[in-house]
Structures are given as C-alpha cells and as structure tokens.
N, C-alpha and C. Protein backbone atom coordinates (compact mmCIF):
# COMPACT_ATOMS: atom_id res chain seq x y z
N MET A 1 -9.06 1.11 2.94
CA MET A 1 -10.46 1.04 2.71
C MET A 1 -10.99 -0.30 3.19
N TYR A 2 -12.08 -0.26 3.89
CA TYR A 2 -12.73 -1.46 4.40
C TYR A 2 -13.93 -1.75 3.50
N VAL A 3 -13.90 -2.89 2.86
CA VAL A 3 -14.90 -3.21 1.84
C VAL A 3 -15.87 -4.26 2.37
N GLY A 4 -17.14 -3.90 2.40
CA GLY A 4 -18.19 -4.83 2.78
C GLY A 4 -18.80 -5.45 1.54
N LEU A 5 -19.07 -6.75 1.63
CA LEU A 5 -19.61 -7.47 0.48
C LEU A 5 -20.85 -8.27 0.84
N GLY A 6 -21.83 -8.19 0.02
CA GLY A 6 -22.97 -9.08 0.06
C GLY A 6 -22.95 -9.85 -1.25
N ALA A 7 -23.39 -11.08 -1.23
CA ALA A 7 -23.35 -11.86 -2.48
C ALA A 7 -24.38 -12.97 -2.46
N ARG A 8 -24.78 -13.34 -3.64
CA ARG A 8 -25.63 -14.53 -3.80
C ARG A 8 -24.72 -15.74 -3.93
N PRO A 9 -25.21 -16.89 -3.54
CA PRO A 9 -24.40 -18.11 -3.69
C PRO A 9 -23.97 -18.29 -5.15
N GLY A 10 -22.75 -18.76 -5.33
CA GLY A 10 -22.25 -19.03 -6.66
C GLY A 10 -21.57 -17.87 -7.34
N VAL A 11 -21.47 -16.72 -6.68
CA VAL A 11 -20.79 -15.57 -7.29
C VAL A 11 -19.33 -15.94 -7.55
N SER A 12 -18.77 -15.43 -8.63
CA SER A 12 -17.38 -15.74 -8.96
C SER A 12 -16.43 -14.72 -8.33
N ALA A 13 -15.20 -15.14 -8.12
CA ALA A 13 -14.17 -14.24 -7.60
C ALA A 13 -13.95 -13.07 -8.56
N ASP A 14 -13.98 -13.34 -9.85
CA ASP A 14 -13.79 -12.27 -10.83
C ASP A 14 -14.87 -11.21 -10.71
N GLU A 15 -16.11 -11.65 -10.50
CA GLU A 15 -17.23 -10.71 -10.36
C GLU A 15 -17.04 -9.84 -9.12
N VAL A 16 -16.59 -10.45 -8.03
CA VAL A 16 -16.37 -9.72 -6.78
C VAL A 16 -15.21 -8.75 -6.93
N VAL A 17 -14.08 -9.22 -7.44
CA VAL A 17 -12.90 -8.37 -7.60
C VAL A 17 -13.22 -7.19 -8.51
N SER A 18 -13.94 -7.42 -9.59
CA SER A 18 -14.30 -6.35 -10.51
C SER A 18 -15.09 -5.25 -9.81
N LEU A 19 -16.07 -5.63 -9.01
CA LEU A 19 -16.87 -4.62 -8.32
C LEU A 19 -16.07 -3.92 -7.23
N VAL A 20 -15.23 -4.65 -6.52
CA VAL A 20 -14.37 -4.01 -5.50
C VAL A 20 -13.50 -2.95 -6.16
N ARG A 21 -12.89 -3.29 -7.26
CA ARG A 21 -12.02 -2.32 -7.95
C ARG A 21 -12.80 -1.11 -8.45
N GLN A 22 -14.04 -1.33 -8.83
CA GLN A 22 -14.90 -0.23 -9.29
C GLN A 22 -15.27 0.68 -8.12
N CYS A 23 -15.47 0.12 -6.93
CA CYS A 23 -15.97 0.88 -5.79
C CYS A 23 -14.91 1.56 -4.95
N VAL A 24 -13.72 0.98 -4.86
CA VAL A 24 -12.66 1.59 -4.05
C VAL A 24 -12.16 2.83 -4.78
N PRO A 25 -12.13 3.98 -4.08
CA PRO A 25 -11.72 5.23 -4.74
C PRO A 25 -10.32 5.14 -5.35
N ALA A 26 -10.13 5.88 -6.44
CA ALA A 26 -8.83 5.92 -7.12
C ALA A 26 -7.74 6.33 -6.14
N GLY A 27 -6.61 5.68 -6.24
CA GLY A 27 -5.48 5.99 -5.37
C GLY A 27 -5.52 5.30 -4.02
N CYS A 28 -6.58 4.54 -3.78
CA CYS A 28 -6.74 3.82 -2.52
C CYS A 28 -6.74 2.32 -2.80
N ARG A 29 -6.63 1.54 -1.74
CA ARG A 29 -6.72 0.10 -1.92
C ARG A 29 -7.48 -0.51 -0.77
N ALA A 30 -8.10 -1.64 -1.05
CA ALA A 30 -8.81 -2.38 0.00
C ALA A 30 -7.78 -2.95 0.97
N VAL A 31 -8.09 -2.88 2.28
CA VAL A 31 -7.21 -3.49 3.27
C VAL A 31 -7.88 -4.70 3.92
N VAL A 32 -9.20 -4.75 3.83
CA VAL A 32 -9.99 -5.85 4.41
C VAL A 32 -11.25 -6.01 3.58
N LEU A 33 -11.67 -7.27 3.37
CA LEU A 33 -13.00 -7.56 2.86
C LEU A 33 -13.80 -8.10 4.02
N ALA A 34 -15.06 -7.76 4.10
CA ALA A 34 -15.92 -8.21 5.19
C ALA A 34 -17.27 -8.62 4.64
N THR A 35 -17.88 -9.64 5.26
CA THR A 35 -19.15 -10.15 4.75
C THR A 35 -19.91 -10.89 5.85
N LEU A 36 -21.03 -11.40 5.49
CA LEU A 36 -21.86 -12.24 6.34
C LEU A 36 -21.15 -13.57 6.56
N ALA A 37 -21.15 -14.07 7.79
CA ALA A 37 -20.47 -15.33 8.10
C ALA A 37 -20.92 -16.46 7.18
N ALA A 38 -22.21 -16.50 6.85
CA ALA A 38 -22.74 -17.56 6.00
C ALA A 38 -22.20 -17.50 4.57
N ARG A 39 -21.61 -16.36 4.17
CA ARG A 39 -21.07 -16.21 2.82
C ARG A 39 -19.53 -16.28 2.78
N ALA A 40 -18.88 -16.25 3.92
CA ALA A 40 -17.42 -16.18 3.96
C ALA A 40 -16.75 -17.38 3.29
N ALA A 41 -17.40 -18.53 3.32
CA ALA A 41 -16.80 -19.72 2.70
C ALA A 41 -17.11 -19.83 1.20
N GLU A 42 -17.92 -18.94 0.68
CA GLU A 42 -18.22 -18.95 -0.76
C GLU A 42 -16.91 -18.81 -1.53
N PRO A 43 -16.65 -19.68 -2.50
CA PRO A 43 -15.40 -19.59 -3.26
C PRO A 43 -15.17 -18.21 -3.90
N GLY A 44 -16.22 -17.56 -4.34
CA GLY A 44 -16.07 -16.24 -4.96
C GLY A 44 -15.62 -15.18 -3.98
N ILE A 45 -16.13 -15.22 -2.76
CA ILE A 45 -15.75 -14.25 -1.73
C ILE A 45 -14.33 -14.54 -1.24
N ALA A 46 -14.08 -15.79 -0.84
CA ALA A 46 -12.75 -16.17 -0.36
C ALA A 46 -11.70 -15.98 -1.46
N GLY A 47 -12.07 -16.32 -2.68
CA GLY A 47 -11.16 -16.16 -3.80
C GLY A 47 -10.83 -14.70 -4.09
N ALA A 48 -11.80 -13.82 -3.91
CA ALA A 48 -11.56 -12.40 -4.12
C ALA A 48 -10.58 -11.87 -3.08
N ALA A 49 -10.75 -12.27 -1.82
CA ALA A 49 -9.82 -11.84 -0.78
C ALA A 49 -8.41 -12.31 -1.10
N ALA A 50 -8.28 -13.55 -1.54
CA ALA A 50 -6.97 -14.09 -1.90
C ALA A 50 -6.38 -13.33 -3.09
N ALA A 51 -7.20 -13.07 -4.10
CA ALA A 51 -6.72 -12.37 -5.30
C ALA A 51 -6.26 -10.95 -4.98
N LEU A 52 -6.95 -10.31 -4.03
CA LEU A 52 -6.60 -8.94 -3.64
C LEU A 52 -5.51 -8.90 -2.57
N GLY A 53 -5.21 -10.06 -1.99
CA GLY A 53 -4.17 -10.13 -0.96
C GLY A 53 -4.57 -9.47 0.34
N VAL A 54 -5.85 -9.58 0.70
CA VAL A 54 -6.34 -8.97 1.94
C VAL A 54 -7.07 -10.00 2.79
N PRO A 55 -7.15 -9.76 4.10
CA PRO A 55 -7.90 -10.68 4.94
C PRO A 55 -9.40 -10.56 4.73
N LEU A 56 -10.09 -11.61 5.11
CA LEU A 56 -11.55 -11.65 5.03
C LEU A 56 -12.10 -11.77 6.44
N ARG A 57 -12.94 -10.82 6.82
CA ARG A 57 -13.60 -10.86 8.11
C ARG A 57 -15.06 -11.21 7.89
N SER A 58 -15.64 -11.91 8.86
CA SER A 58 -17.06 -12.26 8.73
C SER A 58 -17.80 -11.96 10.02
N TYR A 59 -19.07 -11.66 9.86
CA TYR A 59 -19.93 -11.29 10.98
C TYR A 59 -21.25 -12.04 10.86
N ASP A 60 -21.82 -12.41 11.99
CA ASP A 60 -23.11 -13.08 11.92
C ASP A 60 -24.21 -12.06 11.67
N ALA A 61 -25.36 -12.56 11.27
CA ALA A 61 -26.47 -11.68 10.89
C ALA A 61 -26.89 -10.76 12.04
N ALA A 62 -26.86 -11.25 13.26
CA ALA A 62 -27.25 -10.42 14.41
C ALA A 62 -26.31 -9.23 14.58
N GLU A 63 -25.00 -9.46 14.40
CA GLU A 63 -24.04 -8.35 14.48
C GLU A 63 -24.32 -7.32 13.41
N LEU A 64 -24.52 -7.78 12.18
CA LEU A 64 -24.78 -6.86 11.08
C LEU A 64 -26.08 -6.11 11.28
N ALA A 65 -27.08 -6.78 11.80
CA ALA A 65 -28.40 -6.15 12.00
C ALA A 65 -28.34 -5.02 13.03
N GLY A 66 -27.34 -5.03 13.89
CA GLY A 66 -27.21 -4.00 14.91
C GLY A 66 -26.55 -2.72 14.43
N VAL A 67 -26.15 -2.68 13.17
CA VAL A 67 -25.47 -1.51 12.62
C VAL A 67 -26.47 -0.66 11.84
N ALA A 68 -26.53 0.63 12.18
CA ALA A 68 -27.40 1.56 11.44
C ALA A 68 -26.76 1.87 10.10
N VAL A 69 -27.53 1.71 9.03
CA VAL A 69 -27.03 1.95 7.68
C VAL A 69 -27.99 2.86 6.92
N PRO A 70 -27.50 3.56 5.91
CA PRO A 70 -28.37 4.47 5.16
C PRO A 70 -29.33 3.79 4.18
N HIS A 71 -29.03 2.54 3.79
CA HIS A 71 -29.85 1.88 2.77
C HIS A 71 -30.23 0.46 3.17
N PRO A 72 -31.05 0.31 4.21
CA PRO A 72 -31.47 -1.05 4.60
C PRO A 72 -32.33 -1.68 3.52
N SER A 73 -32.32 -3.02 3.49
CA SER A 73 -33.06 -3.75 2.47
C SER A 73 -33.97 -4.79 3.10
N SER A 74 -35.25 -4.72 2.79
CA SER A 74 -36.17 -5.75 3.28
C SER A 74 -35.89 -7.10 2.61
N ALA A 75 -35.39 -7.07 1.38
CA ALA A 75 -35.04 -8.32 0.69
C ALA A 75 -33.89 -9.02 1.41
N ALA A 76 -32.87 -8.28 1.80
CA ALA A 76 -31.75 -8.87 2.54
C ALA A 76 -32.23 -9.40 3.88
N ARG A 77 -33.08 -8.63 4.55
CA ARG A 77 -33.60 -9.08 5.85
C ARG A 77 -34.32 -10.42 5.69
N SER A 78 -35.12 -10.55 4.67
CA SER A 78 -35.86 -11.80 4.43
C SER A 78 -34.92 -12.95 4.06
N ALA A 79 -33.91 -12.65 3.26
CA ALA A 79 -33.02 -13.69 2.75
C ALA A 79 -31.99 -14.17 3.78
N VAL A 80 -31.39 -13.23 4.53
CA VAL A 80 -30.27 -13.62 5.40
C VAL A 80 -30.40 -13.16 6.84
N GLY A 81 -31.50 -12.48 7.18
CA GLY A 81 -31.74 -12.12 8.57
C GLY A 81 -31.15 -10.81 9.03
N THR A 82 -30.70 -9.98 8.10
CA THR A 82 -30.20 -8.64 8.43
C THR A 82 -30.56 -7.69 7.30
N PRO A 83 -30.93 -6.45 7.63
CA PRO A 83 -31.30 -5.52 6.57
C PRO A 83 -30.12 -4.96 5.78
N SER A 84 -28.91 -5.30 6.19
CA SER A 84 -27.74 -4.84 5.45
C SER A 84 -26.60 -5.83 5.62
N VAL A 85 -25.94 -6.14 4.53
CA VAL A 85 -24.72 -6.94 4.61
C VAL A 85 -23.54 -6.05 4.22
N ALA A 86 -23.50 -5.54 3.01
CA ALA A 86 -22.33 -4.80 2.53
C ALA A 86 -22.03 -3.56 3.37
N GLU A 87 -23.01 -2.68 3.54
CA GLU A 87 -22.76 -1.46 4.30
C GLU A 87 -22.42 -1.77 5.76
N ALA A 88 -23.19 -2.65 6.38
CA ALA A 88 -22.95 -2.98 7.78
C ALA A 88 -21.59 -3.65 7.97
N ALA A 89 -21.23 -4.56 7.08
CA ALA A 89 -19.94 -5.25 7.19
C ALA A 89 -18.78 -4.28 7.02
N ALA A 90 -18.89 -3.35 6.08
CA ALA A 90 -17.83 -2.35 5.89
C ALA A 90 -17.66 -1.51 7.14
N LEU A 91 -18.77 -1.06 7.71
CA LEU A 91 -18.71 -0.22 8.92
C LEU A 91 -18.16 -0.99 10.11
N LEU A 92 -18.59 -2.23 10.30
CA LEU A 92 -18.07 -3.04 11.41
C LEU A 92 -16.57 -3.30 11.25
N ALA A 93 -16.15 -3.63 10.06
CA ALA A 93 -14.73 -3.93 9.82
C ALA A 93 -13.85 -2.71 10.09
N ALA A 94 -14.35 -1.54 9.75
CA ALA A 94 -13.56 -0.32 9.90
C ALA A 94 -13.46 0.14 11.35
N GLY A 95 -14.43 -0.21 12.18
CA GLY A 95 -14.38 0.15 13.59
C GLY A 95 -14.97 1.52 13.88
N ALA A 96 -14.66 2.03 15.07
CA ALA A 96 -15.23 3.31 15.52
C ALA A 96 -14.66 4.48 14.74
N GLY A 97 -15.44 5.55 14.65
CA GLY A 97 -15.00 6.77 14.00
C GLY A 97 -14.80 6.64 12.51
N VAL A 98 -15.73 5.98 11.85
CA VAL A 98 -15.60 5.75 10.42
C VAL A 98 -16.71 6.44 9.64
N VAL A 99 -16.52 6.51 8.36
CA VAL A 99 -17.52 7.07 7.47
C VAL A 99 -17.72 6.10 6.31
N LEU A 100 -18.95 6.00 5.86
CA LEU A 100 -19.26 5.17 4.69
C LEU A 100 -18.97 6.03 3.46
N LEU A 101 -17.87 5.73 2.78
CA LEU A 101 -17.46 6.52 1.62
C LEU A 101 -18.28 6.18 0.38
N VAL A 102 -18.53 4.89 0.19
CA VAL A 102 -19.27 4.44 -0.98
C VAL A 102 -20.44 3.61 -0.48
N PRO A 103 -21.66 4.14 -0.57
CA PRO A 103 -22.83 3.34 -0.19
C PRO A 103 -22.95 2.13 -1.10
N LYS A 104 -23.79 1.21 -0.74
CA LYS A 104 -23.87 -0.05 -1.48
C LYS A 104 -24.10 0.16 -2.98
N VAL A 105 -23.35 -0.63 -3.74
CA VAL A 105 -23.45 -0.67 -5.19
C VAL A 105 -23.73 -2.12 -5.54
N VAL A 106 -24.74 -2.34 -6.34
CA VAL A 106 -25.11 -3.71 -6.73
C VAL A 106 -24.72 -3.94 -8.18
N SER A 107 -24.07 -5.09 -8.42
CA SER A 107 -23.71 -5.47 -9.78
C SER A 107 -23.86 -6.98 -9.88
N GLY A 108 -24.82 -7.42 -10.66
CA GLY A 108 -25.04 -8.85 -10.81
C GLY A 108 -25.36 -9.52 -9.48
N ARG A 109 -24.51 -10.44 -9.06
CA ARG A 109 -24.77 -11.21 -7.85
C ARG A 109 -23.99 -10.72 -6.64
N VAL A 110 -23.40 -9.54 -6.73
CA VAL A 110 -22.59 -9.04 -5.61
C VAL A 110 -22.95 -7.59 -5.30
N THR A 111 -22.85 -7.25 -4.02
CA THR A 111 -23.08 -5.89 -3.53
C THR A 111 -21.83 -5.46 -2.77
N CYS A 112 -21.43 -4.21 -2.96
CA CYS A 112 -20.20 -3.72 -2.35
C CYS A 112 -20.45 -2.36 -1.71
N ALA A 113 -19.81 -2.10 -0.57
CA ALA A 113 -19.81 -0.79 0.08
C ALA A 113 -18.42 -0.57 0.66
N VAL A 114 -18.02 0.69 0.78
CA VAL A 114 -16.66 0.99 1.24
C VAL A 114 -16.72 1.99 2.39
N ALA A 115 -15.98 1.68 3.47
CA ALA A 115 -15.88 2.58 4.62
C ALA A 115 -14.41 2.88 4.89
N ALA A 116 -14.17 4.01 5.58
CA ALA A 116 -12.80 4.38 5.93
C ALA A 116 -12.80 5.18 7.22
N SER A 117 -11.65 5.23 7.87
CA SER A 117 -11.50 6.06 9.06
C SER A 117 -11.55 7.52 8.65
N ARG A 118 -12.00 8.34 9.56
CA ARG A 118 -12.07 9.78 9.26
C ARG A 118 -10.70 10.39 9.24
C-alpha cells in the first residue's frame, strides 16, 4: 500500500502512525509513505516512516498539482500550492496503473490516503 500524507507543521509521529494504521486495509501494510517535499523533514512525518520501517518519498507542489484526484481542496491549494497532498502523493508513489483505495481521511493535523496497484 502506498500511503500519501498531508500534515500541518508540528504533527506528531504518533498521530501520523495512528491514522496510517486506521487507513491501511486489514491484512495489508504500508510499503511507502509519500508527502509534499516541504513536509518531508517534519519530525512527525519522518518519525512515522521510521516507526513503520518504510521509505519516505516527497514531491514538490507542482508535481502533486498535476495529479487528478477525486477530492481537491481549495484550502490546500492556498496553503501549499496544490489542491491535493495526500491523494496525489499516494497516486504518484504507487506509479502507473493504480487505484485510490482509501480517499483522503482527515484526523487532527494529518490527512491520509492509500493507493495500490491493480
């Protein structure tokens, strides 16, 4: 499962890991976390990747903005320059021929979406 994450500054690793575990379907596991390049150095995001034992991929806002998503956000566009972080990052990380299994879920200061190969 390819997990896309959006987050506000200061999010904790525990908050991120909790939402990832909630969003990844039962019997599956995250293989990659992906996010906006400007958030990749956030201790909560980097710490979640370390805690889950998976790599962290990051994409700039222009890359994310080029991905068609089912739930674009004008708030995200205003805040970080792309209408989607979590859904777009999950889809980009998974590559071609993928499906968005779990559309964005927001919990506190973190947003999560999950994509997988068909």
